[in-house]
Amino acid sequence: MEDEGLPSGGLKIALVERLTGVGVHTLRAWERRYGVPRPARTVGGQRLYTVDDVDLVKRMHGLAEAGVALSRAAETAIAELAARQASRPADADTTWTRTRFLQALTRFDERAAHDAWSETLERRDVLAAFEELLVPTLVDIGDAWHAGRLNEAQEHFASAFIRARLDSLARVARPLSGAPVVLLACAEGEQHELGLLMLNVLARFQGLATVYLGPNLPGSALATTAREIRPAIVCLSATTADSVEALRPGLLGLRAVLPETPILVGGRAFGDPVRAPGVDGVEVAPAPLGAALERIAHICRPAERARTTEGSK
């Protein structure tokens, strides 16, 4: 495979094409006519792109496909990017860190990926690291893989690298004594677990106890486990329409054994417009990760107070 990254951390135009679905000739034409993207140049004149350029191109392309004139689409994409950049913390060099991280994962460069990951954790808290680095990188790689522009080995390498780091963080975070229990699982047939793994880590860093059951969990196993451990809340993930359909029987079985326990469902399948789960008392988790974590913490506070009261008797 062509070497699509550069040691300096920039992305070559071939990789930008794969990540966005916009051809090389179109990228060059848009740059000349509309200022999108806005690559740097090496001394030799080679274009160097960042993840901000990838975001710009994807946004402009989406607007153009929706019927917006290219000039207007470019103006909108540039304005939205400027607003995001203005809201970034001054000490967070997220653009180049994301660029280096994305480049490393698509080139199977574990050391470079580890360096970018470690630098992010040194500068940012865990939630910010997830929302600013992991989530957008996974979206970039996942979208390109589903469109056939990145190969399966690249997607698998990236997923394995991120899963290993999340497992390590989960082991570091110790729940508080007597903390409410959060039960987390993916729908039957659902193999994409990284979003739920991030939520598992974040809940543990909040001091909550978690029982993480992983991908592709049969509904009967979910109900049996829930009956046994009596969690304060159940969090379930589905990223496809098929997974949502597979989730419904499990939700009904779960409701039968825990009629009052809050249940949150989330994942890309519950996007915009929100796809309702169709089971009473089941709530679609808010996005992004921080909002979902706040909702879980809010639900668990009464359970934590109840446990504390029982323990003091």
Foldseek 3Di string as FASTA:
>chain_A
DDLQADPVLFGALLVLCLLQVDDPVVQVVCCVPAVQPPFDADPVGGTGHWVLSSQLNNQLVVVVVVPDDSNVSNVVSVVVSVVVVVPDDPPPPLTSLQSQLLSCLLVVNLVSNVVSLVVLVVRDPLVCSCVRHVVVSLVSVVVSVVVVSGDPVSNVSSVVSLVVVLVVLLVVQAADPLAFEEEEEEFAVAQDCNQVSSLSSVLSNVRHHYDYDHYRDQLVVVLVVCLVPVGQEYEYEDADPVRLVRCQVSVVSNCVRVVPRAYEYEYNCLDVVGDDSPDPRYYYADDDSVSNNVVVVVSRVVVSVVSVVVVVD
